[in-house]
Amino acid sequence: ALRESLYCIRCGACLNICPVYRHAGGHAYGW
């Protein structure tokens, strides 16, 4: 089920669109 996550090319597009990230910021995720 999770193998698909290895397709990621680290573009950051999902961060820019995510309503949680866009308010919480990256440091809240702790890693």
PDB file of all heavy atoms in Angstrom:
ATOM      1  N   ALA A   1       0.825  -1.210   0.000  1.00  0.00           N
ATOM      2  CA  ALA A   1       0.000   0.000   0.000  1.00  0.00           C
ATOM      3  C   ALA A   1       0.858   1.258   0.000  1.00  0.00           C
ATOM      4  O   ALA A   1       0.512   2.255  -0.639  1.00  0.00           O
ATOM      5  CB  ALA A   1      -0.935  -0.005   1.196  1.00  0.00           C
ATOM      6  N   LEU A   2       1.993   1.223   0.716  1.00  0.00           N
ATOM      7  CA  LEU A   2       2.832   2.413   0.863  1.00  0.00           C
ATOM      8  C   LEU A   2       3.927   2.531  -0.184  1.00  0.00           C
ATOM      9  O   LEU A   2       4.585   3.572  -0.286  1.00  0.00           O
ATOM     10  CB  LEU A   2       3.473   2.435   2.255  1.00  0.00           C
ATOM     11  CG  LEU A   2       2.533   2.642   3.433  1.00  0.00           C
ATOM     12  CD1 LEU A   2       3.300   2.522   4.740  1.00  0.00           C
ATOM     13  CD2 LEU A   2       1.852   3.996   3.345  1.00  0.00           C
ATOM     14  N   ARG A   3       4.128   1.487  -0.969  1.00  0.00           N
ATOM     15  CA  ARG A   3       5.197   1.501  -1.970  1.00  0.00           C
ATOM     16  C   ARG A   3       5.085   2.707  -2.887  1.00  0.00           C
ATOM     17  O   ARG A   3       6.082   3.277  -3.339  1.00  0.00           O
ATOM     18  CB  ARG A   3       5.151   0.199  -2.783  1.00  0.00           C
ATOM     19  CG  ARG A   3       6.188   0.117  -3.881  1.00  0.00           C
ATOM     20  CD  ARG A   3       6.159  -1.225  -4.590  1.00  0.00           C
ATOM     21  NE  ARG A   3       6.602  -2.305  -3.704  1.00  0.00           N
ATOM     22  CZ  ARG A   3       6.833  -3.549  -4.117  1.00  0.00           C
ATOM     23  NH1 ARG A   3       6.611  -3.876  -5.382  1.00  0.00           N
ATOM     24  NH2 ARG A   3       7.244  -4.460  -3.273  1.00  0.00           N
ATOM     25  N   GLU A   4       3.866   3.115  -3.139  1.00  0.00           N
ATOM     26  CA  GLU A   4       3.607   4.252  -4.028  1.00  0.00           C
ATOM     27  C   GLU A   4       4.267   5.545  -3.533  1.00  0.00           C
ATOM     28  O   GLU A   4       4.588   6.428  -4.328  1.00  0.00           O
ATOM     29  CB  GLU A   4       2.099   4.447  -4.152  1.00  0.00           C
ATOM     30  CG  GLU A   4       1.651   5.451  -5.166  1.00  0.00           C
ATOM     31  CD  GLU A   4       0.131   5.537  -5.240  1.00  0.00           C
ATOM     32  OE1 GLU A   4      -0.553   4.633  -4.693  1.00  0.00           O
ATOM     33  OE2 GLU A   4      -0.356   6.494  -5.835  1.00  0.00           O
ATOM     34  N   SER A   5       4.487   5.662  -2.231  1.00  0.00           N
ATOM     35  CA  SER A   5       5.111   6.880  -1.700  1.00  0.00           C
ATOM     36  C   SER A   5       6.534   7.048  -2.200  1.00  0.00           C
ATOM     37  O   SER A   5       7.079   8.164  -2.198  1.00  0.00           O
ATOM     38  CB  SER A   5       5.085   6.864  -0.169  1.00  0.00           C
ATOM     39  OG  SER A   5       5.882   5.807   0.349  1.00  0.00           O
ATOM     40  N   LEU A   6       7.176   5.959  -2.633  1.00  0.00           N
ATOM     41  CA  LEU A   6       8.537   6.025  -3.169  1.00  0.00           C
ATOM     42  C   LEU A   6       8.576   6.617  -4.572  1.00  0.00           C
ATOM     43  O   LEU A   6       9.655   6.854  -5.113  1.00  0.00           O
ATOM     44  CB  LEU A   6       9.174   4.635  -3.174  1.00  0.00           C
ATOM     45  CG  LEU A   6       9.446   4.018  -1.791  1.00  0.00           C
ATOM     46  CD1 LEU A   6       9.951   2.589  -1.935  1.00  0.00           C
ATOM     47  CD2 LEU A   6      10.442   4.858  -0.995  1.00  0.00           C
ATOM     48  N   TYR A   7       7.414   6.872  -5.163  1.00  0.00           N
ATOM     49  CA  TYR A   7       7.374   7.542  -6.467  1.00  0.00           C
ATOM     50  C   TYR A   7       7.734   9.022  -6.333  1.00  0.00           C
ATOM     51  O   TYR A   7       8.037   9.683  -7.334  1.00  0.00           O
ATOM     52  CB  TYR A   7       5.984   7.466  -7.093  1.00  0.00           C
ATOM     53  CG  TYR A   7       5.432   6.093  -7.382  1.00  0.00           C
ATOM     54  CD1 TYR A   7       4.141   5.941  -7.883  1.00  0.00           C
ATOM     55  CD2 TYR A   7       6.167   4.932  -7.149  1.00  0.00           C
ATOM     56  CE1 TYR A   7       3.606   4.688  -8.156  1.00  0.00           C
ATOM     57  CE2 TYR A   7       5.637   3.684  -7.400  1.00  0.00           C
ATOM     58  CZ  TYR A   7       4.348   3.554  -7.897  1.00  0.00           C
ATOM     59  OH  TYR A   7       3.811   2.323  -8.160  1.00  0.00           O
ATOM     60  N   CYS A   8       7.667   9.573  -5.131  1.00  0.00           N
ATOM     61  CA  CYS A   8       7.822  11.012  -4.902  1.00  0.00           C
ATOM     62  C   CYS A   8       9.137  11.534  -5.467  1.00  0.00           C
ATOM     63  O   CYS A   8      10.206  10.942  -5.241  1.00  0.00           O
ATOM     64  CB  CYS A   8       7.752  11.292  -3.395  1.00  0.00           C
ATOM     65  SG  CYS A   8       8.011  13.031  -2.967  1.00  0.00           S
ATOM     66  N   ILE A   9       9.066  12.659  -6.194  1.00  0.00           N
ATOM     67  CA  ILE A   9      10.269  13.289  -6.738  1.00  0.00           C
ATOM     68  C   ILE A   9      10.625  14.567  -5.973  1.00  0.00           C
ATOM     69  O   ILE A   9      11.436  15.373  -6.449  1.00  0.00           O
ATOM     70  CB  ILE A   9      10.133  13.563  -8.247  1.00  0.00           C
ATOM     71  CG1 ILE A   9       8.954  14.490  -8.544  1.00  0.00           C
ATOM     72  CG2 ILE A   9       9.992  12.249  -9.008  1.00  0.00           C
ATOM     73  CD1 ILE A   9       8.854  14.902 -10.006  1.00  0.00           C
ATOM     74  N   ARG A  10      10.032  14.771  -4.805  1.00  0.00           N
ATOM     75  CA  ARG A  10      10.364  15.875  -3.900  1.00  0.00           C
ATOM     76  C   ARG A  10      10.210  17.246  -4.568  1.00  0.00           C
ATOM     77  O   ARG A  10      11.113  18.087  -4.492  1.00  0.00           O
ATOM     78  CB  ARG A  10      11.799  15.709  -3.377  1.00  0.00           C
ATOM     79  CG  ARG A  10      12.074  14.406  -2.634  1.00  0.00           C
ATOM     80  CD  ARG A  10      11.342  14.362  -1.302  1.00  0.00           C
ATOM     81  NE  ARG A  10      11.798  13.245  -0.495  1.00  0.00           N
ATOM     82  CZ  ARG A  10      11.224  12.040  -0.454  1.00  0.00           C
ATOM     83  NH1 ARG A  10      10.136  11.809  -1.182  1.00  0.00           N
ATOM     84  NH2 ARG A  10      11.707  11.077   0.300  1.00  0.00           N
ATOM     85  N   CYS A  11       9.047  17.471  -5.168  1.00  0.00           N
ATOM     86  CA  CYS A  11       8.792  18.763  -5.814  1.00  0.00           C
ATOM     87  C   CYS A  11       8.172  19.770  -4.863  1.00  0.00           C
ATOM     88  O   CYS A  11       8.241  20.978  -5.093  1.00  0.00           O
ATOM     89  CB  CYS A  11       7.894  18.581  -7.033  1.00  0.00           C
ATOM     90  SG  CYS A  11       6.195  18.112  -6.626  1.00  0.00           S
ATOM     91  N   GLY A  12       7.514  19.307  -3.799  1.00  0.00           N
ATOM     92  CA  GLY A  12       6.896  20.200  -2.828  1.00  0.00           C
ATOM     93  C   GLY A  12       5.518  20.701  -3.212  1.00  0.00           C
ATOM     94  O   GLY A  12       4.924  21.495  -2.474  1.00  0.00           O
ATOM     95  N   ALA A  13       4.965  20.250  -4.352  1.00  0.00           N
ATOM     96  CA  ALA A  13       3.655  20.753  -4.782  1.00  0.00           C
ATOM     97  C   ALA A  13       2.565  20.412  -3.780  1.00  0.00           C
ATOM     98  O   ALA A  13       1.639  21.204  -3.567  1.00  0.00           O
ATOM     99  CB  ALA A  13       3.306  20.182  -6.157  1.00  0.00           C
ATOM    100  N   CYS A  14       2.651  19.247  -3.145  1.00  0.00           N
ATOM    101  CA  CYS A  14       1.605  18.855  -2.199  1.00  0.00           C
ATOM    102  C   CYS A  14       1.621  19.736  -0.960  1.00  0.00           C
ATOM    103  O   CYS A  14       0.590  19.959  -0.321  1.00  0.00           O
ATOM    104  CB  CYS A  14       1.738  17.373  -1.829  1.00  0.00           C
ATOM    105  SG  CYS A  14       3.243  16.922  -0.938  1.00  0.00           S
ATOM    106  N   LEU A  15       2.797  20.281  -0.610  1.00  0.00           N
ATOM    107  CA  LEU A  15       2.877  21.191   0.530  1.00  0.00           C
ATOM    108  C   LEU A  15       2.181  22.508   0.197  1.00  0.00           C
ATOM    109  O   LEU A  15       1.429  23.053   1.016  1.00  0.00           O
ATOM    110  CB  LEU A  15       4.331  21.473   0.909  1.00  0.00           C
ATOM    111  CG  LEU A  15       5.104  20.437   1.718  1.00  0.00           C
ATOM    112  CD1 LEU A  15       5.291  19.132   0.950  1.00  0.00           C
ATOM    113  CD2 LEU A  15       6.454  20.994   2.141  1.00  0.00           C
ATOM    114  N   ASN A  16       2.433  23.004  -1.008  1.00  0.00           N
ATOM    115  CA  ASN A  16       1.920  24.323  -1.381  1.00  0.00           C
ATOM    116  C   ASN A  16       0.400  24.350  -1.477  1.00  0.00           C
ATOM    117  O   ASN A  16      -0.211  25.402  -1.308  1.00  0.00           O
ATOM    118  CB  ASN A  16       2.522  24.744  -2.727  1.00  0.00           C
ATOM    119  CG  ASN A  16       4.033  24.784  -2.690  1.00  0.00           C
ATOM    120  OD1 ASN A  16       4.633  25.062  -1.658  1.00  0.00           O
ATOM    121  ND2 ASN A  16       4.660  24.497  -3.818  1.00  0.00           N
ATOM    122  N   ILE A  17      -0.213  23.204  -1.733  1.00  0.00           N
ATOM    123  CA  ILE A  17      -1.666  23.148  -1.903  1.00  0.00           C
ATOM    124  C   ILE A  17      -2.378  22.729  -0.627  1.00  0.00           C
ATOM    125  O   ILE A  17      -3.581  22.944  -0.471  1.00  0.00           O
ATOM    126  CB  ILE A  17      -2.036  22.172  -3.052  1.00  0.00           C
ATOM    127  CG1 ILE A  17      -3.430  22.467  -3.607  1.00  0.00           C
ATOM    128  CG2 ILE A  17      -1.945  20.733  -2.609  1.00  0.00           C
ATOM    129  CD1 ILE A  17      -3.488  23.683  -4.468  1.00  0.00           C
ATOM    130  N   CYS A  18      -1.645  22.137   0.311  1.00  0.00           N
ATOM    131  CA  CYS A  18      -2.263  21.546   1.507  1.00  0.00           C
ATOM    132  C   CYS A  18      -2.732  22.620   2.491  1.00  0.00           C
ATOM    133  O   CYS A  18      -1.921  23.442   2.949  1.00  0.00           O
ATOM    134  CB  CYS A  18      -1.263  20.622   2.203  1.00  0.00           C
ATOM    135  SG  CYS A  18      -1.877  19.931   3.761  1.00  0.00           S
ATOM    136  N   PRO A  19      -4.020  22.637   2.869  1.00  0.00           N
ATOM    137  CA  PRO A  19      -4.507  23.666   3.805  1.00  0.00           C
ATOM    138  C   PRO A  19      -3.900  23.531   5.196  1.00  0.00           C
ATOM    139  O   PRO A  19      -3.809  24.524   5.918  1.00  0.00           O
ATOM    140  CB  PRO A  19      -6.018  23.429   3.831  1.00  0.00           C
ATOM    141  CG  PRO A  19      -6.212  22.018   3.372  1.00  0.00           C
ATOM    142  CD  PRO A  19      -5.097  21.746   2.405  1.00  0.00           C
ATOM    143  N   VAL A  20      -3.470  22.326   5.569  1.00  0.00           N
ATOM    144  CA  VAL A  20      -2.847  22.151   6.887  1.00  0.00           C
ATOM    145  C   VAL A  20      -1.426  22.709   6.871  1.00  0.00           C
ATOM    146  O   VAL A  20      -1.049  23.527   7.721  1.00  0.00           O
ATOM    147  CB  VAL A  20      -2.842  20.665   7.303  1.00  0.00           C
ATOM    148  CG1 VAL A  20      -2.105  20.482   8.629  1.00  0.00           C
ATOM    149  CG2 VAL A  20      -4.263  20.141   7.419  1.00  0.00           C
ATOM    150  N   TYR A  21      -0.628  22.285   5.890  1.00  0.00           N
ATOM    151  CA  TYR A  21       0.743  22.790   5.818  1.00  0.00           C
ATOM    152  C   TYR A  21       0.762  24.307   5.679  1.00  0.00           C
ATOM    153  O   TYR A  21       1.571  24.995   6.308  1.00  0.00           O
ATOM    154  CB  TYR A  21       1.507  22.171   4.641  1.00  0.00           C
ATOM    155  CG  TYR A  21       2.873  22.807   4.485  1.00  0.00           C
ATOM    156  CD1 TYR A  21       3.963  22.316   5.183  1.00  0.00           C
ATOM    157  CD2 TYR A  21       3.056  23.949   3.703  1.00  0.00           C
ATOM    158  CE1 TYR A  21       5.209  22.927   5.106  1.00  0.00           C
ATOM    159  CE2 TYR A  21       4.287  24.575   3.618  1.00  0.00           C
ATOM    160  CZ  TYR A  21       5.360  24.053   4.318  1.00  0.00           C
ATOM    161  OH  TYR A  21       6.582  24.683   4.239  1.00  0.00           O
ATOM    162  N   ARG A  22      -0.131  24.853   4.867  1.00  0.00           N
ATOM    163  CA  ARG A  22      -0.105  26.284   4.570  1.00  0.00           C
ATOM    164  C   ARG A  22      -0.400  27.139   5.801  1.00  0.00           C
ATOM    165  O   ARG A  22      -0.133  28.335   5.806  1.00  0.00           O
ATOM    166  CB  ARG A  22      -1.085  26.603   3.438  1.00  0.00           C
ATOM    167  CG  ARG A  22      -0.665  25.998   2.103  1.00  0.00           C
ATOM    168  CD  ARG A  22      -1.675  26.262   1.007  1.00  0.00           C
ATOM    169  NE  ARG A  22      -1.767  27.694   0.743  1.00  0.00           N
ATOM    170  CZ  ARG A  22      -2.896  28.367   0.703  1.00  0.00           C
ATOM    171  NH1 ARG A  22      -4.054  27.759   0.946  1.00  0.00           N
ATOM    172  NH2 ARG A  22      -2.893  29.668   0.449  1.00  0.00           N
ATOM    173  N   HIS A  23      -0.949  26.541   6.843  1.00  0.00           N
ATOM    174  CA  HIS A  23      -1.190  27.275   8.084  1.00  0.00           C
ATOM    175  C   HIS A  23      -0.252  26.834   9.214  1.00  0.00           C
ATOM    176  O   HIS A  23       0.159  27.652  10.033  1.00  0.00           O
ATOM    177  CB  HIS A  23      -2.648  27.105   8.532  1.00  0.00           C
ATOM    178  CG  HIS A  23      -3.622  27.843   7.666  1.00  0.00           C
ATOM    179  ND1 HIS A  23      -4.162  27.284   6.523  1.00  0.00           N
ATOM    180  CD2 HIS A  23      -4.128  29.093   7.746  1.00  0.00           C
ATOM    181  CE1 HIS A  23      -4.977  28.171   5.960  1.00  0.00           C
ATOM    182  NE2 HIS A  23      -4.972  29.268   6.677  1.00  0.00           N
ATOM    183  N   ALA A  24       0.078  25.551   9.246  1.00  0.00           N
ATOM    184  CA  ALA A  24       0.920  25.043  10.335  1.00  0.00           C
ATOM    185  C   ALA A  24       2.399  25.276  10.063  1.00  0.00           C
ATOM    186  O   ALA A  24       3.193  25.429  10.998  1.00  0.00           O
ATOM    187  CB  ALA A  24       0.656  23.551  10.557  1.00  0.00           C
ATOM    188  N   GLY A  25       2.795  25.289   8.778  1.00  0.00           N
ATOM    189  CA  GLY A  25       4.211  25.431   8.458  1.00  0.00           C
ATOM    190  C   GLY A  25       4.968  24.132   8.657  1.00  0.00           C
ATOM    191  O   GLY A  25       4.493  23.196   9.296  1.00  0.00           O
ATOM    192  N   GLY A  26       6.170  24.070   8.115  1.00  0.00           N
ATOM    193  CA  GLY A  26       6.929  22.824   8.124  1.00  0.00           C
ATOM    194  C   GLY A  26       7.446  22.392   9.472  1.00  0.00           C
ATOM    195  O   GLY A  26       7.534  21.201   9.770  1.00  0.00           O
ATOM    196  N   HIS A  27       7.796  23.334  10.332  1.00  0.00           N
ATOM    197  CA  HIS A  27       8.408  22.972  11.611  1.00  0.00           C
ATOM    198  C   HIS A  27       7.439  22.248  12.544  1.00  0.00           C
ATOM    199  O   HIS A  27       7.867  21.494  13.409  1.00  0.00           O
ATOM    200  CB  HIS A  27       8.959  24.221  12.296  1.00  0.00           C
ATOM    201  CG  HIS A  27      10.165  24.784  11.603  1.00  0.00           C
ATOM    202  ND1 HIS A  27      10.500  26.113  11.629  1.00  0.00           N
ATOM    203  CD2 HIS A  27      11.113  24.178  10.845  1.00  0.00           C
ATOM    204  CE1 HIS A  27      11.605  26.308  10.935  1.00  0.00           C
ATOM    205  NE2 HIS A  27      11.994  25.147  10.448  1.00  0.00           N
ATOM    206  N   ALA A  28       6.142  22.460  12.357  1.00  0.00           N
ATOM    207  CA  ALA A  28       5.164  21.788  13.219  1.00  0.00           C
ATOM    208  C   ALA A  28       5.218  20.273  13.041  1.00  0.00           C
ATOM    209  O   ALA A  28       4.868  19.527  13.961  1.00  0.00           O
ATOM    210  CB  ALA A  28       3.752  22.297  12.915  1.00  0.00           C
ATOM    211  N   TYR A  29       5.666  19.814  11.878  1.00  0.00           N
ATOM    212  CA  TYR A  29       5.686  18.372  11.604  1.00  0.00           C
ATOM    213  C   TYR A  29       6.825  17.667  12.334  1.00  0.00           C
ATOM    214  O   TYR A  29       6.838  16.443  12.418  1.00  0.00           O
ATOM    215  CB  TYR A  29       5.794  18.120  10.104  1.00  0.00           C
ATOM    216  CG  TYR A  29       4.541  18.493   9.350  1.00  0.00           C
ATOM    217  CD1 TYR A  29       4.262  19.818   9.018  1.00  0.00           C
ATOM    218  CD2 TYR A  29       3.614  17.527   8.967  1.00  0.00           C
ATOM    219  CE1 TYR A  29       3.109  20.175   8.341  1.00  0.00           C
ATOM    220  CE2 TYR A  29       2.456  17.873   8.283  1.00  0.00           C
ATOM    221  CZ  TYR A  29       2.212  19.199   7.980  1.00  0.00           C
ATOM    222  OH  TYR A  29       1.060  19.542   7.306  1.00  0.00           O
ATOM    223  N   GLY A  30       7.802  18.425  12.817  1.00  0.00           N
ATOM    224  CA  GLY A  30       8.804  17.862  13.704  1.00  0.00           C
ATOM    225  C   GLY A  30       9.927  17.095  13.071  1.00  0.00           C
ATOM    226  O   GLY A  30      10.801  16.579  13.764  1.00  0.00           O
ATOM    227  N   TRP A  31       9.953  17.001  11.728  1.00  0.00           N
ATOM    228  CA  TRP A  31      11.061  16.287  11.085  1.00  0.00           C
ATOM    229  C   TRP A  31      11.301  16.876   9.714  1.00  0.00           C
ATOM    230  O   TRP A  31      10.688  17.874   9.323  1.00  0.00           O
ATOM    231  CB  TRP A  31      10.766  14.777  11.020  1.00  0.00           C
ATOM    232  CG  TRP A  31      12.014  13.949  10.857  1.00  0.00           C
ATOM    233  CD1 TRP A  31      13.186  14.089  11.542  1.00  0.00           C
ATOM    234  CD2 TRP A  31      12.215  12.867   9.930  1.00  0.00           C
ATOM    235  NE1 TRP A  31      14.099  13.158  11.117  1.00  0.00           N
ATOM    236  CE2 TRP A  31      13.535  12.393  10.135  1.00  0.00           C
ATOM    237  CE3 TRP A  31      11.423  12.251   8.970  1.00  0.00           C
ATOM    238  CZ2 TRP A  31      14.076  11.332   9.409  1.00  0.00           C
ATOM    239  CZ3 TRP A  31      11.940  11.188   8.250  1.00  0.00           C
ATOM    240  CH2 TRP A  31      13.251  10.723   8.467  1.00  0.00           C
TER     241      TRP A  31
END
